[in-house]
């Protein structure tokens, strides 16, 4: 099923391209790319993994596009391959893929999935970006699991469904805050490079060995020159039903003007924070009552309506207690509880949301000692 984002991700790229090229200008021809000689490409050769060229690769189970997602063994470790078949692709798409591959390879951070290098497979017809394999899948697939924090503390399921002792609950909250901090630090790195992520969701966070990392592949389709905003929801029903709309900041659904993508990232990040701590989906009551398609449509309509109340816009209303945050501004988060921080990040006014720097500063003391703000 198509996401409501699909039709908009490249709109800014095409608009800019149309504006930069006059109506009487001819498009420059791309030089032909030969997959058999890519190993000598000056930007690829330092990171070329020739040992993968002749090994067996298999489609990645559960991938949306199995032909473009494969797994293989590099020495003694499993790796993920994001691929493009040069025999089935237009020249412009080949160049765009290669350009983006080189671009994301230069981005390196402990909380971003790492690009290990490049190779060709399938008789040297398919070019691949080689990434570390995240064994535990997406955060979205794990959020409702009773073993979300497995290996760190005992889960609630081990107490017969009853609320665990306060010290265990607090330990789980500590881990939840630490995971939120990991994601905030990773996003801070991208924002420091002037790169908004733009498609933040629990599905775009990958997990391995209980480490949370941003899926860097998503930047290949949403780098700054290719898109500027998620776009306005259209009337087509097929755009609904994916759940992506819950992460979209209100201004993305109501404004026809360019928006601050960094502020929109903060909004979406707060949704993910709420999911991690509550282990419940945002707007759960809405989706339980209406289903995925009508639920998306309802949430999009509410967010796009400037008259919507705070209660209408709050994805975790029962969890977030009413707190006085009037003494804080978007330039300070010192002393905020986790709940108050999330409230500020979800502010309908993008200018009132804290920057990622301030989000990190607010999370550090909470991740070190959540009892400072834990209710007895």
Protein backbone atom coordinates (compact mmCIF):
# COMPACT_ATOMS: atom_id res chain seq x y z
CA UNK A 1 0.00 0.00 0.00
CA UNK A 2 1.28 3.42 -0.88
CA UNK A 3 2.16 5.87 1.82
CA UNK A 4 0.58 9.29 1.79
CA UNK A 5 4.16 10.62 1.52
CA UNK A 6 5.01 8.88 -1.74
CA UNK A 7 3.80 11.54 -4.12
CA UNK A 8 5.63 14.36 -2.46
CA UNK A 9 9.13 13.24 -1.58
CA UNK A 10 10.65 14.26 -4.88
CA UNK A 11 8.40 17.20 -5.72
CA UNK A 12 10.89 19.82 -4.58
CA UNK A 13 13.62 18.18 -6.62
CA UNK A 14 11.57 18.31 -9.81
CA UNK A 15 10.37 21.86 -9.10
CA UNK A 16 13.93 23.05 -8.56
CA UNK A 17 15.08 21.25 -11.67
CA UNK A 18 12.37 22.88 -13.76
CA UNK A 19 13.24 26.32 -12.42
CA UNK A 20 16.97 25.94 -12.91
CA UNK A 21 16.68 24.77 -16.51
CA UNK A 22 15.15 27.14 -19.03
CA UNK A 23 12.41 25.92 -21.31
CA UNK A 24 14.78 26.03 -24.31
CA UNK A 25 17.68 24.29 -22.62
CA UNK A 26 18.51 20.68 -23.27
CA UNK A 27 19.07 18.29 -20.40
CA UNK A 28 22.71 17.27 -20.08
CA UNK A 29 23.35 13.69 -21.06
CA UNK A 30 24.62 11.39 -18.33
CA UNK A 31 27.79 9.51 -19.05
CA UNK A 32 27.20 5.80 -19.28
CA UNK A 33 27.90 3.84 -16.12
CA UNK A 34 29.35 0.39 -16.57
CA UNK A 35 28.87 -1.76 -13.46
CA UNK A 36 31.94 -3.80 -14.39
CA UNK A 37 34.17 -0.74 -14.00
CA UNK A 38 32.59 0.80 -10.91
CA UNK A 39 35.35 -0.66 -8.73
CA UNK A 40 37.70 1.90 -10.26
CA UNK A 41 35.35 4.83 -9.76
CA UNK A 42 37.34 7.40 -7.74
CA UNK A 43 34.60 7.85 -5.12
CA UNK A 44 33.84 4.13 -4.81
CA UNK A 45 37.23 2.42 -5.06
CA UNK A 46 38.46 3.32 -1.53
CA UNK A 47 35.41 1.52 -0.11
CA UNK A 48 35.08 -1.31 -2.63
CA UNK A 49 34.37 -4.77 -1.21
CA UNK A 50 35.57 -7.10 -3.94
CA UNK A 51 35.15 -10.16 -1.73
CA UNK A 52 31.37 -9.84 -2.14
CA UNK A 53 31.38 -9.89 -5.94
CA UNK A 54 31.19 -13.65 -6.38
CA UNK A 55 29.36 -14.83 -3.28
CA UNK A 56 25.77 -15.99 -2.95
CA UNK A 57 23.24 -13.33 -2.00
CA UNK A 58 19.61 -13.85 -1.01
CA UNK A 59 16.57 -11.55 -1.00
CA UNK A 60 15.89 -9.96 2.35
CA UNK A 61 12.74 -11.46 3.85
CA UNK A 62 10.04 -8.93 4.56
CA UNK A 63 11.52 -6.23 2.34
CA UNK A 64 9.08 -4.04 0.42
CA UNK A 65 11.20 -4.50 -2.70
CA UNK A 66 13.04 -7.83 -2.48
CA UNK A 67 14.87 -7.19 -5.75
CA UNK A 68 16.52 -4.15 -4.18
CA UNK A 69 17.14 -5.61 -0.73
CA UNK A 70 19.49 -8.54 -0.23
CA UNK A 71 21.60 -10.13 2.47
CA UNK A 72 25.01 -11.77 2.27
CA UNK A 73 27.92 -12.83 4.45
CA UNK A 74 30.96 -10.57 4.59
CA UNK A 75 33.70 -12.62 6.20
CA UNK A 76 31.88 -13.90 9.30
CA UNK A 77 29.16 -11.26 9.58
CA UNK A 78 25.80 -10.83 7.90
CA UNK A 79 25.41 -7.62 5.88
CA UNK A 80 22.51 -5.89 4.18
CA UNK A 81 22.71 -4.90 0.51
CA UNK A 82 20.67 -2.07 -0.98
CA UNK A 83 20.81 -2.75 -4.70
CA UNK A 84 19.99 -1.37 -8.12
CA UNK A 85 19.92 -3.55 -11.23
CA UNK A 86 21.73 -1.62 -13.95
CA UNK A 87 20.07 -3.69 -16.68
CA UNK A 88 16.59 -2.57 -15.58
CA UNK A 89 17.22 1.08 -14.73
CA UNK A 90 17.36 4.36 -16.63
CA UNK A 91 20.67 6.21 -16.72
CA UNK A 92 19.41 9.12 -14.61
CA UNK A 93 18.28 6.74 -11.86
CA UNK A 94 21.65 4.97 -11.89
CA UNK A 95 23.49 8.25 -11.43
CA UNK A 96 21.11 9.38 -8.67
CA UNK A 97 21.55 6.09 -6.81
CA UNK A 98 25.34 6.22 -7.09
CA UNK A 99 25.45 9.86 -6.02
CA UNK A 100 23.29 9.18 -2.98
CA UNK A 101 25.30 6.07 -2.12
CA UNK A 102 28.50 8.11 -2.00
CA UNK A 103 26.73 10.80 0.01
CA UNK A 104 25.45 8.52 2.77
CA UNK A 105 28.76 6.65 2.97
CA UNK A 106 30.37 9.81 4.31
CA UNK A 107 27.85 10.01 7.16
CA UNK A 108 29.15 8.08 10.14
CA UNK A 109 27.84 8.01 13.69
CA UNK A 110 27.33 5.30 16.34
CA UNK A 111 23.56 5.77 16.18
CA UNK A 112 23.22 5.73 12.39
CA UNK A 113 23.33 2.49 10.43
CA UNK A 114 26.81 2.32 8.96
CA UNK A 115 27.66 2.02 5.28
CA UNK A 116 30.45 -0.56 5.05
CA UNK A 117 31.23 -0.09 1.37
CA UNK A 118 30.11 -0.94 -2.15
CA UNK A 119 30.12 -3.92 -4.49
CA UNK A 120 28.45 -5.53 -7.51
CA UNK A 121 26.62 -8.85 -7.56
CA UNK A 122 24.57 -10.96 -9.99
CA UNK A 123 27.26 -11.29 -12.66
CA UNK A 124 28.31 -7.68 -12.13
CA UNK A 125 24.95 -6.28 -13.25
CA UNK A 126 23.71 -5.07 -9.86
CA UNK A 127 25.38 -2.29 -7.87
CA UNK A 128 24.96 -2.51 -4.10
CA UNK A 129 25.49 -0.35 -1.05
CA UNK A 130 26.70 -2.62 1.75
CA UNK A 131 25.36 -1.78 5.22
CA UNK A 132 25.58 -3.32 8.65
CA UNK A 133 22.75 -5.79 9.23
CA UNK A 134 20.39 -4.91 12.07
CA UNK A 135 19.37 -8.32 13.32
CA UNK A 136 16.40 -7.28 15.48
CA UNK A 137 14.57 -5.44 12.71
CA UNK A 138 12.64 -2.21 13.10
CA UNK A 139 11.70 -0.51 16.32
CA UNK A 140 8.08 -0.57 15.11
CA UNK A 141 8.12 -4.37 15.07
CA UNK A 142 9.46 -4.49 18.63
CA UNK A 143 7.57 -1.72 20.39
CA UNK A 144 4.63 -3.84 21.48
CA UNK A 145 6.86 -6.76 22.43
CA UNK A 146 7.08 -7.69 26.13
CA UNK A 147 10.81 -8.23 25.50
CA UNK A 148 11.44 -4.68 24.26
CA UNK A 149 14.02 -4.15 26.98
CA UNK A 150 15.04 -7.80 27.13
CA UNK A 151 18.47 -8.45 28.54
CA UNK A 152 18.45 -5.29 30.60
CA UNK A 153 15.61 -5.65 33.10
CA UNK A 154 12.76 -8.04 33.78
CA UNK A 155 9.65 -7.29 31.73
CA UNK A 156 6.11 -6.77 32.99
CA UNK A 157 5.15 -10.13 31.49
CA UNK A 158 7.31 -11.78 34.13
CA UNK A 159 4.98 -10.42 36.80
CA UNK A 160 1.83 -12.13 35.45
CA UNK A 161 0.70 -8.98 33.67
CA UNK A 162 0.69 -7.01 36.92
CA UNK A 163 2.62 -3.81 37.39
CA UNK A 164 6.18 -4.78 38.42
CA UNK A 165 7.77 -3.49 41.62
CA UNK A 166 8.61 0.21 41.50
CA UNK A 167 12.34 -0.40 41.22
CA UNK A 168 11.82 -2.56 38.11
CA UNK A 169 9.46 -0.02 36.53
CA UNK A 170 12.02 2.68 37.19
CA UNK A 171 14.79 0.58 35.67
CA UNK A 172 12.68 0.12 32.53
CA UNK A 173 12.09 3.86 32.41
CA UNK A 174 15.83 4.43 32.70
CA UNK A 175 16.43 2.21 29.67
CA UNK A 176 13.62 3.91 27.74
CA UNK A 177 15.16 7.32 28.41
CA UNK A 178 18.57 6.03 27.37
CA UNK A 179 17.15 4.77 24.07
CA UNK A 180 15.49 8.13 23.48
CA UNK A 181 18.83 9.79 24.14
CA UNK A 182 20.58 7.49 21.65
CA UNK A 183 18.13 8.52 18.94
CA UNK A 184 18.37 12.20 19.86
CA UNK A 185 22.17 12.08 19.65
CA UNK A 186 22.02 10.40 16.24
CA UNK A 187 19.56 13.01 14.97
CA UNK A 188 21.74 15.74 16.48
CA UNK A 189 24.59 14.55 14.27
CA UNK A 190 22.43 14.81 11.15
CA UNK A 191 21.08 18.24 12.10
CA UNK A 192 24.63 19.44 12.80
CA UNK A 193 25.40 18.51 9.19
CA UNK A 194 22.35 20.52 8.10
CA UNK A 195 20.52 17.33 7.16
CA UNK A 196 16.91 16.90 8.30
CA UNK A 197 15.78 13.28 8.40
CA UNK A 198 12.23 14.13 7.26
CA UNK A 199 10.74 10.64 7.47
CA UNK A 200 11.12 9.90 11.16
CA UNK A 201 9.05 6.95 12.33
CA UNK A 202 9.48 3.83 14.40
CA UNK A 203 9.74 1.91 11.12
CA UNK A 204 12.86 3.85 10.15
CA UNK A 205 14.72 3.01 13.35
CA UNK A 206 16.60 -0.29 13.30
CA UNK A 207 17.65 -2.39 16.27
CA UNK A 208 20.64 -4.66 16.79
CA UNK A 209 22.06 -5.92 20.06
CA UNK A 210 19.62 -3.53 21.79
CA UNK A 211 21.18 -0.53 20.05
CA UNK A 212 18.84 1.87 18.25
CA UNK A 213 20.06 3.39 14.98
CA UNK A 214 18.56 5.59 12.28
CA UNK A 215 18.09 3.79 8.97
CA UNK A 216 20.45 5.73 6.73
CA UNK A 217 18.90 4.27 3.58
CA UNK A 218 15.97 6.63 3.97
CA UNK A 219 18.25 9.57 3.28
CA UNK A 220 18.89 8.23 -0.22
CA UNK A 221 15.40 9.20 -1.26
CA UNK A 222 15.07 12.28 0.94
CA UNK A 223 18.30 14.22 0.79
CA UNK A 224 17.96 18.04 0.86
CA UNK A 225 18.06 18.59 -2.89
CA UNK A 226 15.38 15.97 -3.52
CA UNK A 227 12.66 17.10 -1.16
CA UNK A 228 11.80 19.90 1.18
CA UNK A 229 8.72 18.68 3.03
CA UNK A 230 6.46 15.71 3.42
CA UNK A 231 3.66 17.46 1.59
CA UNK A 232 -0.07 17.94 1.94
CA UNK A 233 -2.34 14.95 2.20
CA UNK A 234 -4.32 14.40 -0.96
CA UNK A 235 -7.78 12.99 -1.36
CA UNK A 236 -6.67 9.64 -2.72
CA UNK A 237 -7.64 6.90 -0.31
CA UNK A 238 -4.56 4.84 -1.12
CA UNK A 239 -2.41 7.47 0.55
CA UNK A 240 -3.89 6.47 3.90
CA UNK A 241 -3.48 3.33 5.89
CA UNK A 242 0.27 3.25 6.51
CA UNK A 243 0.26 5.12 9.83
CA UNK A 244 2.87 7.62 8.61
CA UNK A 245 0.52 10.54 9.22
CA UNK A 246 0.89 10.23 13.01
CA UNK A 247 4.50 11.44 12.71
CA UNK A 248 3.72 14.42 10.47
CA UNK A 249 3.89 17.80 12.20
CA UNK A 250 0.68 19.86 11.85
CA UNK A 251 2.34 22.46 9.61
CA UNK A 252 3.23 19.77 7.07
CA UNK A 253 -0.46 19.03 6.65
CA UNK A 254 -1.81 22.56 6.66
CA UNK A 255 0.77 24.90 5.15
CA UNK A 256 1.32 25.45 1.45
CA UNK A 257 4.53 27.32 2.20
CA UNK A 258 7.96 25.77 2.84
CA UNK A 259 8.28 24.56 6.41
CA UNK A 260 11.15 24.15 8.84
CA UNK A 261 12.09 20.51 8.33
CA UNK A 262 14.28 20.51 11.44
CA UNK A 263 11.33 21.56 13.62
CA UNK A 264 9.17 18.93 11.92
CA UNK A 265 11.80 16.34 12.82
CA UNK A 266 11.50 17.35 16.48
CA UNK A 267 7.74 16.77 16.40
CA UNK A 268 8.14 13.31 14.86
CA UNK A 269 10.93 12.44 17.29
CA UNK A 270 8.62 13.21 20.21
CA UNK A 271 6.06 10.78 18.82
CA UNK A 272 8.74 8.07 18.76
CA UNK A 273 9.75 8.98 22.32
CA UNK A 274 6.16 8.49 23.44
CA UNK A 275 5.99 5.12 21.72
CA UNK A 276 9.17 3.92 23.41
CA UNK A 277 8.13 4.96 26.92
CA UNK A 278 4.47 3.92 26.73
CA UNK A 279 4.93 0.96 24.36
CA UNK A 280 1.60 1.96 22.85
CA UNK A 281 0.89 3.41 19.41
CA UNK A 282 0.04 7.11 19.05
CA UNK A 283 -3.65 7.94 18.73
CA UNK A 284 -4.38 4.34 19.74
CA UNK A 285 -8.05 5.00 20.54
CA UNK A 286 -8.62 6.61 17.15
CA UNK A 287 -7.15 3.70 15.22
CA UNK A 288 -8.93 1.10 17.35
CA UNK A 289 -12.25 2.79 16.59
CA UNK A 290 -11.75 3.71 12.93
CA UNK A 291 -9.14 1.34 11.53
CA UNK A 292 -5.91 2.24 9.68
CA UNK A 293 -7.33 4.07 6.65
CA UNK A 294 -10.07 6.10 8.32
CA UNK A 295 -7.77 6.59 11.30
CA UNK A 296 -5.10 8.17 9.11
CA UNK A 297 -7.71 10.39 7.47
CA UNK A 298 -9.06 11.52 10.84
CA UNK A 299 -5.63 12.27 12.31
CA UNK A 300 -4.60 14.18 9.17
CA UNK A 301 -7.79 16.25 9.27
CA UNK A 302 -7.35 17.10 12.95
CA UNK A 303 -3.72 18.07 12.51
CA UNK A 304 -4.46 20.23 9.48
CA UNK A 305 -7.17 22.16 11.34
CA UNK A 306 -5.69 25.21 13.14
CA UNK A 307 -8.70 25.21 15.47
CA UNK A 308 -7.87 21.77 16.88
CA UNK A 309 -7.38 21.75 20.64
CA UNK A 310 -4.36 20.44 22.51
CA UNK A 311 -6.40 17.40 23.50
CA UNK A 312 -7.23 16.71 19.85
CA UNK A 313 -3.57 16.90 18.87
CA UNK A 314 -2.13 14.94 21.79
CA UNK A 315 -1.18 11.40 20.70
CA UNK A 316 -0.58 10.20 24.28
CA UNK A 317 -3.01 12.39 26.20
CA UNK A 318 -3.69 9.94 29.02
CA UNK A 319 0.01 9.44 29.56
CA UNK A 320 1.17 13.05 29.41
CA UNK A 321 0.06 14.82 32.60
CA UNK A 322 -0.85 18.48 32.51
CA UNK A 323 2.27 20.40 33.46
CA UNK A 324 3.08 24.07 33.58
CA UNK A 325 5.79 24.64 30.99
CA UNK A 326 5.03 28.33 30.61
CA UNK A 327 8.28 29.26 32.33
CA UNK A 328 10.28 27.53 29.62
CA UNK A 329 10.82 28.61 26.05
CA UNK A 330 12.14 27.02 22.88
CA UNK A 331 15.60 28.19 23.97
CA UNK A 332 15.67 26.28 27.26
CA UNK A 333 14.72 22.81 28.45
CA UNK A 334 16.63 22.78 31.72
CA UNK A 335 14.84 20.97 34.52
CA UNK A 336 12.00 19.63 32.39
CA UNK A 337 10.53 16.25 33.13
CA UNK A 338 10.42 13.81 30.24
CA UNK A 339 6.68 14.34 29.82
CA UNK A 340 7.08 18.12 29.71
CA UNK A 341 9.88 17.81 27.16
CA UNK A 342 7.67 15.71 24.90
CA UNK A 343 4.86 18.25 25.24
CA UNK A 344 7.18 21.04 24.11
CA UNK A 345 8.38 18.99 21.15
CA UNK A 346 4.75 18.40 20.13
CA UNK A 347 3.88 22.10 20.18
CA UNK A 348 1.65 22.98 17.23
CA UNK A 349 3.81 26.06 16.66
CA UNK A 350 7.12 24.89 15.13
CA UNK A 351 8.91 27.99 16.41
CA UNK A 352 8.09 26.96 19.98
CA UNK A 353 9.69 23.53 19.72
CA UNK A 354 13.18 23.08 21.14
CA UNK A 355 16.11 22.40 18.85
CA UNK A 356 17.73 18.98 18.87
CA UNK A 357 20.60 20.44 20.94
CA UNK A 358 18.17 21.30 23.72
CA UNK A 359 16.42 17.94 23.46
CA UNK A 360 19.75 16.19 24.04
CA UNK A 361 20.59 18.47 26.97
CA UNK A 362 17.22 17.73 28.58
CA UNK A 363 17.55 13.96 28.13
CA UNK A 364 21.06 13.55 29.53
CA UNK A 365 20.14 13.94 33.24
CA UNK A 366 16.99 11.87 32.77
CA UNK A 367 18.91 9.04 31.13
CA UNK A 368 21.42 9.12 33.98
CA UNK A 369 18.86 9.22 36.78
CA UNK A 370 15.15 9.09 35.88
CA UNK A 371 14.15 8.95 39.55
CA UNK A 372 14.65 12.70 39.51
CA UNK A 373 11.31 12.92 37.72
CA UNK A 374 9.68 9.54 38.37
CA UNK A 375 6.36 9.59 40.19
CA UNK A 376 6.35 7.51 43.43
